[in-house]
Protein backbone atom coordinates (compact mmCIF):
# COMPACT_ATOMS: atom_id res chain seq x y z
CA MET A 1 81.50 119.33 63.60
CA GLN A 2 81.77 121.29 60.40
CA TYR A 3 80.23 124.74 60.23
CA GLN A 4 78.12 125.37 57.16
CA ASP A 5 79.72 128.77 56.35
CA ARG A 6 83.17 127.22 56.02
CA PRO A 7 83.94 126.69 52.31
CA VAL A 8 84.79 123.19 51.14
CA LEU A 9 88.01 123.08 49.12
CA ALA A 10 89.19 120.11 47.06
CA ARG A 11 92.87 121.10 47.57
CA GLY A 12 94.06 119.19 44.51
CA ARG A 13 92.11 116.04 45.34
CA ALA A 14 89.73 114.07 43.16
CA VAL A 15 86.07 114.61 44.08
CA VAL A 16 83.40 111.92 44.21
CA GLY A 17 79.87 113.27 44.12
CA ILE A 18 77.18 110.94 45.49
CA ASP A 19 73.47 111.42 44.86
CA ILE A 20 71.54 109.94 47.79
CA GLY A 21 68.35 107.90 47.49
CA LYS A 22 66.36 105.86 49.96
CA GLN A 23 67.64 102.45 48.81
CA LYS A 24 69.97 103.20 45.90
CA HIS A 25 72.62 105.86 45.30
CA SER A 26 74.61 107.13 42.32
CA ALA A 27 78.26 108.27 42.18
CA PHE A 28 80.45 110.29 39.81
CA ALA A 29 84.19 110.92 40.23
CA ILE A 30 86.16 113.77 38.66
CA GLY A 31 89.79 114.79 38.89
CA PRO A 32 91.15 118.11 40.20
CA GLN A 33 90.83 119.63 36.72
CA GLY A 34 87.26 118.42 36.24
CA GLU A 35 88.02 115.40 34.07
CA LYS A 36 85.84 112.33 34.53
CA ARG A 37 87.58 109.42 36.28
CA ALA A 38 84.77 106.97 37.03
CA SER A 39 81.03 106.70 37.58
CA LEU A 40 78.42 104.31 38.90
CA ALA A 41 74.81 104.82 37.87
CA SER A 42 73.36 102.87 40.79
CA PHE A 43 74.51 100.98 43.88
CA ASP A 44 72.58 99.59 46.84
CA ASN A 45 72.46 101.10 50.30
CA ASP A 46 74.16 98.13 51.98
CA ARG A 47 77.64 96.75 52.55
CA ALA A 48 77.76 95.03 49.15
CA GLY A 49 76.75 98.33 47.53
CA VAL A 50 79.49 100.24 49.32
CA ASP A 51 82.01 97.56 48.32
CA ARG A 52 80.92 98.05 44.71
CA LEU A 53 81.24 101.84 45.04
CA GLU A 54 84.74 101.45 46.39
CA ALA A 55 85.81 98.98 43.69
CA VAL A 56 84.32 100.81 40.69
CA VAL A 57 84.62 104.49 41.61
CA LEU A 58 86.73 105.25 44.66
CA ARG A 59 89.75 103.15 43.72
CA ALA A 60 89.62 104.48 40.17
CA ALA A 61 89.59 108.04 41.52
CA GLY A 62 92.73 107.53 43.61
CA PRO A 63 93.94 106.50 47.08
CA PRO A 64 91.78 107.52 50.09
CA THR A 65 94.09 110.41 51.03
CA GLU A 66 93.64 111.95 47.56
CA ILE A 67 89.83 111.73 47.45
CA LEU A 68 87.09 113.93 48.85
CA PHE A 69 83.55 112.57 48.66
CA ALA A 70 80.50 114.84 48.88
CA MET A 71 76.78 114.18 49.23
CA GLU A 72 73.59 116.02 50.10
CA ALA A 73 72.32 115.79 53.68
CA THR A 74 68.95 114.53 52.45
CA GLY A 75 66.75 113.58 55.40
CA HIS A 76 68.47 110.72 57.24
CA TYR A 77 69.25 108.53 54.23
CA TRP A 78 72.80 109.86 53.80
CA MET A 79 73.99 108.99 57.31
CA PRO A 80 74.82 105.26 56.99
CA LEU A 81 76.82 105.70 53.77
CA TYR A 82 78.58 108.82 55.05
CA HIS A 83 79.79 107.20 58.26
CA GLU A 84 80.68 103.93 56.51
CA LEU A 85 82.96 105.79 54.09
CA LEU A 86 84.56 107.67 57.00
CA ARG A 87 85.14 104.33 58.73
CA ARG A 88 86.92 103.10 55.59
CA GLY A 89 89.34 106.01 55.74
CA TYR A 90 87.85 108.48 53.23
CA GLU A 91 87.29 112.17 53.95
CA GLY A 92 83.92 113.60 53.07
CA VAL A 93 81.45 116.42 53.49
CA ALA A 94 77.68 116.67 53.59
CA LEU A 95 76.05 119.62 51.84
CA ASN A 96 72.80 121.41 52.50
CA PRO A 97 70.43 120.50 49.61
CA ILE A 98 69.49 124.19 49.29
CA GLN A 99 72.98 124.86 47.91
CA THR A 100 73.01 122.05 45.38
CA HIS A 101 69.45 122.72 44.24
CA GLY A 102 70.35 126.35 43.64
CA GLU A 103 73.40 125.32 41.64
CA ALA A 104 71.30 122.88 39.59
CA ARG A 105 68.74 125.58 38.76
CA ALA A 106 71.55 127.77 37.41
CA ARG A 107 72.46 125.23 34.73
CA ILE A 108 71.48 126.12 31.18
CA ARG A 109 70.52 122.55 30.32
CA LYS A 110 67.71 121.43 32.61
CA THR A 111 68.54 117.74 33.00
CA LYS A 112 67.52 115.81 36.11
CA THR A 113 68.84 112.31 36.67
CA ASP A 114 70.60 110.74 39.65
CA HIS A 115 73.74 110.34 37.56
CA LYS A 116 73.73 114.02 36.54
CA ASP A 117 73.00 115.09 40.10
CA ALA A 118 76.03 113.13 41.36
CA GLU A 119 78.20 114.81 38.72
CA GLY A 120 76.73 118.20 39.62
CA ILE A 121 77.65 117.71 43.29
CA ALA A 122 81.24 116.83 42.38
CA ARG A 123 81.65 119.82 40.05
CA PHE A 124 80.02 122.11 42.62
CA ILE A 125 82.79 121.20 45.07
CA LEU A 126 85.45 122.24 42.53
CA THR A 127 83.91 125.71 42.24
CA GLY A 128 84.87 126.43 45.85
CA LYS A 129 81.36 127.76 46.54
CA ALA A 130 80.13 124.75 48.52
CA HIS A 131 79.77 124.91 52.30
CA ALA A 132 79.67 121.88 54.60
CA THR A 133 76.62 121.38 56.76
CA ARG A 134 77.06 120.79 60.49
CA ILE A 135 77.42 117.19 61.65
CA PRO A 136 77.01 116.67 65.41
CA ASP A 137 79.31 114.59 67.58
CA GLU A 138 77.93 111.47 69.26
CA ASP A 139 76.82 113.15 72.53
CA THR A 140 75.01 115.90 70.66
CA GLU A 141 73.48 113.37 68.28
CA GLU A 142 72.08 111.41 71.23
CA LEU A 143 70.63 114.60 72.71
CA ARG A 144 69.18 115.54 69.32
CA ILE A 145 67.45 112.16 68.96
CA MET A 146 65.89 112.47 72.42
CA THR A 147 64.68 116.07 72.05
CA ARG A 148 63.26 115.51 68.58
CA ARG A 149 61.53 112.36 69.80
CA LEU A 150 60.04 114.33 72.70
CA HIS A 151 58.77 116.97 70.27
CA GLN A 152 57.34 114.26 68.03
CA MET A 153 55.50 112.54 70.89
CA THR A 154 54.08 115.85 72.11
CA GLN A 155 52.76 116.51 68.61
CA MET A 156 51.35 112.98 68.40
CA LYS A 157 49.49 113.51 71.68
CA GLY A 158 47.95 116.70 70.31
CA ASP A 159 46.98 114.99 67.04
CA VAL A 160 45.32 112.11 68.88
CA GLU A 161 43.38 114.50 71.12
CA ARG A 162 42.21 116.61 68.17
CA ALA A 163 40.97 113.52 66.34
CA ALA A 164 39.04 112.48 69.46
CA HIS A 165 37.47 115.95 69.72
CA SER A 166 35.72 115.40 66.38
CA LEU A 167 34.09 112.24 67.73
CA ILE A 168 32.99 113.96 70.94
CA ASP A 169 31.57 116.95 69.05
CA ARG A 170 29.53 114.57 66.91
CA ALA A 171 28.23 112.34 69.67
CA PHE A 172 27.96 114.80 72.61
CA PRO A 173 28.29 118.43 71.40
CA GLU A 174 27.19 119.81 74.77
CA TYR A 175 30.08 118.16 76.59
CA SER A 176 32.43 121.12 76.06
CA GLY A 177 30.10 123.23 78.21
CA CYS A 178 30.79 120.94 81.17
CA PHE A 179 34.56 120.45 81.05
CA SER A 180 37.04 122.85 79.54
CA LYS A 181 39.30 119.91 78.66
CA PRO A 182 37.77 116.59 77.60
CA PHE A 183 40.72 114.49 78.78
CA LEU A 184 41.08 115.53 82.41
CA PRO A 185 41.77 112.58 84.78
CA SER A 186 38.13 112.38 85.88
CA ALA A 187 36.90 112.51 82.27
CA ARG A 188 39.32 109.72 81.34
CA LYS A 189 37.87 107.53 84.07
CA LEU A 190 34.39 108.25 82.77
CA ILE A 191 35.41 107.35 79.20
CA LEU A 192 37.06 104.09 80.26
CA GLU A 193 34.41 102.85 82.71
CA VAL A 194 31.13 104.25 81.38
CA GLY A 195 31.65 105.93 78.03
CA LEU A 196 31.09 109.47 76.79
CA THR A 197 28.05 109.11 74.57
CA PRO A 198 24.91 110.75 76.04
CA ASP A 199 22.84 107.55 76.14
CA ARG A 200 25.38 105.80 78.38
CA ILE A 201 25.61 108.74 80.79
CA ALA A 202 21.82 109.29 80.88
CA ARG A 203 21.17 105.57 81.56
CA GLU A 204 23.46 105.36 84.59
CA PRO A 205 23.29 108.76 86.37
CA GLU A 206 24.09 107.40 89.85
CA GLU A 207 27.04 105.40 88.61
CA VAL A 208 28.33 108.51 86.81
CA ARG A 209 27.95 110.63 89.95
CA ALA A 210 29.81 108.13 92.12
CA LEU A 211 32.59 107.66 89.57
CA LEU A 212 33.19 111.40 89.04
CA ARG A 213 33.14 112.15 92.77
CA ARG A 214 35.74 109.43 93.32
CA ALA A 215 37.88 110.33 90.30
CA GLY A 216 37.62 114.08 90.89
CA ARG A 217 38.89 113.78 94.49
CA GLY A 218 36.60 116.52 95.65
CA ARG A 219 37.53 118.97 92.90
CA LEU A 220 34.33 118.35 90.92
CA THR A 221 31.25 119.93 92.47
CA ASP A 222 27.82 118.30 92.41
CA THR A 223 26.67 121.22 90.26
CA THR A 224 29.20 120.34 87.56
CA ILE A 225 28.32 116.64 87.68
CA ASN A 226 24.56 117.30 87.57
CA ASN A 227 25.08 119.70 84.67
CA LEU A 228 26.84 116.94 82.73
CA ILE A 229 24.03 114.45 83.37
CA THR A 230 21.33 117.00 82.45
CA ARG A 231 23.10 117.86 79.21
CA ALA A 232 23.41 114.16 78.38
CA GLN A 233 19.69 113.63 78.94
CA THR A 234 18.79 116.48 76.56
CA SER A 235 21.64 116.11 74.09
CA ILE A 236 21.14 116.49 70.34
CA GLY A 237 24.20 114.36 69.66
CA ILE A 238 24.12 111.79 66.89
CA ALA A 239 23.37 108.37 68.37
CA ARG A 240 24.68 106.41 65.38
CA ALA A 241 27.81 104.33 65.92
CA ALA A 242 27.76 105.09 69.66
CA THR A 243 29.39 101.78 70.55
CA VAL A 244 32.28 102.31 68.14
CA ILE A 245 32.74 105.92 69.29
CA ASN A 246 33.03 104.82 72.93
CA GLU A 247 35.54 102.14 71.93
CA GLU A 248 37.60 104.67 69.95
CA LEU A 249 37.56 107.16 72.82
CA ALA A 250 38.67 104.46 75.26
CA THR A 251 41.53 103.56 72.92
CA THR A 252 42.43 107.26 72.66
CA VAL A 253 42.69 107.54 76.45
CA GLU A 254 45.02 104.53 76.57
CA VAL A 255 47.22 106.01 73.83
CA ILE A 256 47.35 109.39 75.59
CA ASN A 257 48.26 107.72 78.89
CA ASP A 258 51.11 105.81 77.20
CA LEU A 259 52.40 108.93 75.45
CA GLU A 260 52.31 110.95 78.66
CA THR A 261 54.29 108.23 80.43
CA GLN A 262 56.96 108.28 77.71
CA ILE A 263 57.03 112.09 77.66
CA ALA A 264 57.49 112.20 81.45
CA LEU A 265 60.36 109.68 81.26
CA LEU A 266 62.13 111.66 78.54
CA ASP A 267 61.57 114.91 80.45
CA GLU A 268 63.17 113.41 83.53
CA ARG A 269 66.11 112.06 81.54
CA LEU A 270 66.72 115.42 79.89
CA ARG A 271 66.48 117.15 83.27
CA GLY A 272 69.26 114.92 84.58
CA ILE A 273 71.45 115.64 81.55
CA MET A 274 70.98 119.40 81.84
CA GLU A 275 71.70 119.35 85.59
CA GLU A 276 74.83 117.25 85.03
CA ARG A 277 76.04 119.67 82.35
CA GLU A 278 75.11 122.68 84.48
CA SER A 279 73.60 124.27 81.40
CA PRO A 280 73.69 128.08 81.54
CA LEU A 281 70.40 128.16 79.61
CA MET A 282 68.47 127.14 82.72
CA SER A 283 69.20 130.62 84.13
CA LEU A 284 66.83 132.06 81.51
CA GLY A 285 63.89 130.44 83.29
CA ILE A 286 63.14 127.75 80.71
CA GLY A 287 62.60 124.06 81.35
CA PRO A 288 65.24 121.36 80.89
CA ALA A 289 63.55 119.91 77.80
CA LEU A 290 63.64 123.26 76.00
CA ALA A 291 67.23 123.91 77.10
CA ALA A 292 68.20 120.44 75.86
CA ALA A 293 66.57 121.11 72.48
CA ILE A 294 68.64 124.27 72.04
CA HIS A 295 71.84 122.44 73.00
CA ALA A 296 70.99 119.57 70.65
CA GLU A 297 70.64 121.89 67.67
CA SER A 298 73.43 124.35 68.61
CA ASP A 299 76.40 122.62 70.22
CA PRO A 300 79.10 123.66 69.94
CA ALA A 301 77.99 127.28 69.57
CA SER A 302 81.62 128.26 68.94
CA ASP A 303 81.11 126.87 65.42
CA PHE A 304 79.31 130.11 64.67
CA PRO A 305 81.62 133.13 64.32
CA SER A 306 78.97 135.63 65.46
CA ALA A 307 75.54 135.92 67.05
CA ARG A 308 74.09 137.04 63.72
CA LYS A 309 75.41 133.91 62.03
CA TYR A 310 73.77 131.83 64.74
CA ALA A 311 70.43 133.61 64.29
CA ALA A 312 70.73 133.12 60.52
CA TYR A 313 71.38 129.39 61.03
CA ALA A 314 68.07 129.24 62.91
CA GLY A 315 66.31 131.01 60.03
CA LEU A 316 65.61 134.06 62.19
CA GLU A 317 67.50 136.48 59.97
CA PRO A 318 65.25 139.17 58.39
CA ASP A 319 64.60 138.52 54.70
CA THR A 320 66.13 141.18 52.43
CA PHE A 321 65.36 142.28 48.90
CA GLN A 322 67.12 144.45 46.37
CA SER A 323 66.09 145.52 42.88
CA GLY A 324 67.93 148.33 41.17
CA ALA A 325 67.99 151.31 43.50
CA MET A 326 65.43 149.72 45.84
CA LYS A 327 66.80 147.90 48.83
CA GLY A 328 65.20 146.98 52.12
CA THR A 329 64.28 144.37 54.69
CA ARG A 330 61.05 142.41 54.56
CA ALA A 331 58.86 142.00 57.61
CA HIS A 332 59.22 138.22 57.63
CA ILE A 333 62.20 136.03 58.48
CA SER A 334 64.16 133.92 56.02
CA LYS A 335 63.25 130.48 57.50
CA ARG A 336 66.23 129.06 55.62
CA GLY A 337 67.93 127.43 58.60
CA SER A 338 67.21 124.69 61.12
CA PRO A 339 63.46 124.43 61.80
CA HIS A 340 64.10 122.53 65.04
CA LEU A 341 66.34 125.26 66.44
CA ARG A 342 63.99 127.97 65.20
CA ASN A 343 61.04 126.32 66.98
CA ALA A 344 63.05 125.93 70.21
CA LEU A 345 64.10 129.59 70.15
CA TYR A 346 60.54 130.74 69.44
CA GLN A 347 59.26 128.63 72.35
CA THR A 348 61.96 130.15 74.54
CA ALA A 349 60.88 133.66 73.55
CA PHE A 350 57.27 132.74 74.34
CA VAL A 351 58.25 131.49 77.82
CA ILE A 352 60.56 134.32 78.88
CA TYR A 353 59.44 137.51 77.13
CA ARG A 354 57.36 138.54 80.16
CA ARG A 355 59.94 137.43 82.72
CA HIS A 356 62.77 139.73 81.67
CA ASP A 357 62.27 143.44 81.14
CA CYS A 358 64.75 143.65 78.27
CA PHE A 359 62.71 141.24 76.16
CA HIS A 360 59.34 142.58 77.33
CA ARG A 361 60.25 146.13 76.34
CA LEU A 362 61.27 144.89 72.92
CA TYR A 363 58.00 143.01 72.55
CA LYS A 364 55.89 146.02 73.59
CA ARG A 365 57.83 148.31 71.25
CA PHE A 366 56.96 146.28 68.18
CA ARG A 367 53.39 145.70 69.33
CA LYS A 368 52.97 149.47 69.53
CA GLU A 369 54.28 149.72 65.98
CA GLY A 370 51.38 147.53 64.85
CA ARG A 371 53.06 144.14 64.69
CA ARG A 372 50.96 141.11 65.53
CA HIS A 373 51.69 139.10 68.67
CA LYS A 374 53.37 136.29 66.74
CA ASP A 375 55.47 138.66 64.62
CA ALA A 376 56.67 140.52 67.72
CA LEU A 377 57.59 137.21 69.36
CA VAL A 378 59.63 136.23 66.29
CA ILE A 379 61.61 139.46 66.64
CA VAL A 380 62.13 138.72 70.32
CA ALA A 381 63.23 135.18 69.39
CA ARG A 382 65.96 136.60 67.15
CA HIS A 383 67.31 138.71 70.03
CA VAL A 384 67.01 135.71 72.36
CA ALA A 385 69.06 133.71 69.85
CA MET A 386 71.88 136.24 69.94
CA VAL A 387 71.85 136.30 73.76
CA ILE A 388 71.88 132.49 73.88
CA TRP A 389 74.83 132.37 71.47
CA ARG A 390 76.85 134.56 73.84
CA MET A 391 75.79 132.49 76.87
CA LEU A 392 76.84 129.23 75.18
CA VAL A 393 80.12 130.56 73.81
CA ASP A 394 81.11 132.04 77.19
CA ASN A 395 79.44 129.24 79.19
CA ARG A 396 77.92 131.73 81.60
CA PRO A 397 74.41 132.31 82.98
CA PHE A 398 72.01 134.94 81.75
CA SER A 399 72.58 138.50 82.94
CA LYS A 400 70.17 141.37 82.45
CA ARG A 401 73.13 143.65 81.86
CA PRO A 402 75.58 142.98 79.02
CA PRO A 403 79.15 142.16 80.10
CA GLN A 404 81.69 144.94 80.16
CA ARG A 405 83.99 145.00 77.16
CA ALA A 406 87.61 144.25 77.96
CA LYS A 407 89.79 147.34 77.69
């Protein structure tokens, strides 16, 4: 991997800046002194396009050992071209777009074209101010794909459930007074076999009772079931489109069941990986999926020279301001780093801040100072980040007492 705070130096080589697009890219090559050597306004994101880039720009710039290519790490579109050029023997770096955008805003002439952006990337490298973004190795990349997919599916499940709530609230607004969660196993059976619109439930009360008793496995009392049927018989829900609403709710249950199956499989796979690695993060009291997410966005933690740098990479560094003689720290965090790592660290703080006195005392201290619950948890998350950095660098479990300094 390459750590983002390590400056990128051309070291006398020609630099090829590449502006990344979804299907087409642009390239501009300059020599060590900034003189133009070659350019290509547009080339396709396929093998023929890379061949054209190599023939028109790269060979004109010099042999592979005397060329450094640079591009923005824009979404995922840069990855195929980046790795293809590495495979062909060229050395390259990927840059955080925040850097290049800031450099572009500093230009006096406000021009914005792909060709100019490619030239700007190349000239930015020559300034010595550019810093390479981190590129994971294959094992970490696999872990990153799995953990991000798990997060995505969990979000999808929540989105599907929230969309279904709007249908339930329209058709059967009294339902929430019967079940705290509309998609409990017994409720899912009811949706699939009878439906959840009041007219269906009111028409077949005995069938509903028998189904819920069977599906609830004794956990649903007759009082709860009778309350549901009574509410259905007196509901003020909108009866229009009842058939379509029941069909949509049945489809929602099937989608949720499929997502939960996939989430459980990924959870189990991540558990096996964390147990095989003997991850020290498990000693914090977090689950394997959360530990895997931190590893996926952090490994190797030794890339970061200090705990503060690691917290800053997660965007948990306090925002600062300075104007004239005024200087201070804002209450909010910078949010300039990895959102995936920041979310994982915040979730970790949420899980463990009551389990360990050191974090709970910190939380209570800032709550007493008037901070909101979420703000106090963000502060705890920053301290958790610094503890996690030390745990990963030393590969040791969590200890409530800091290690003794070597004399």
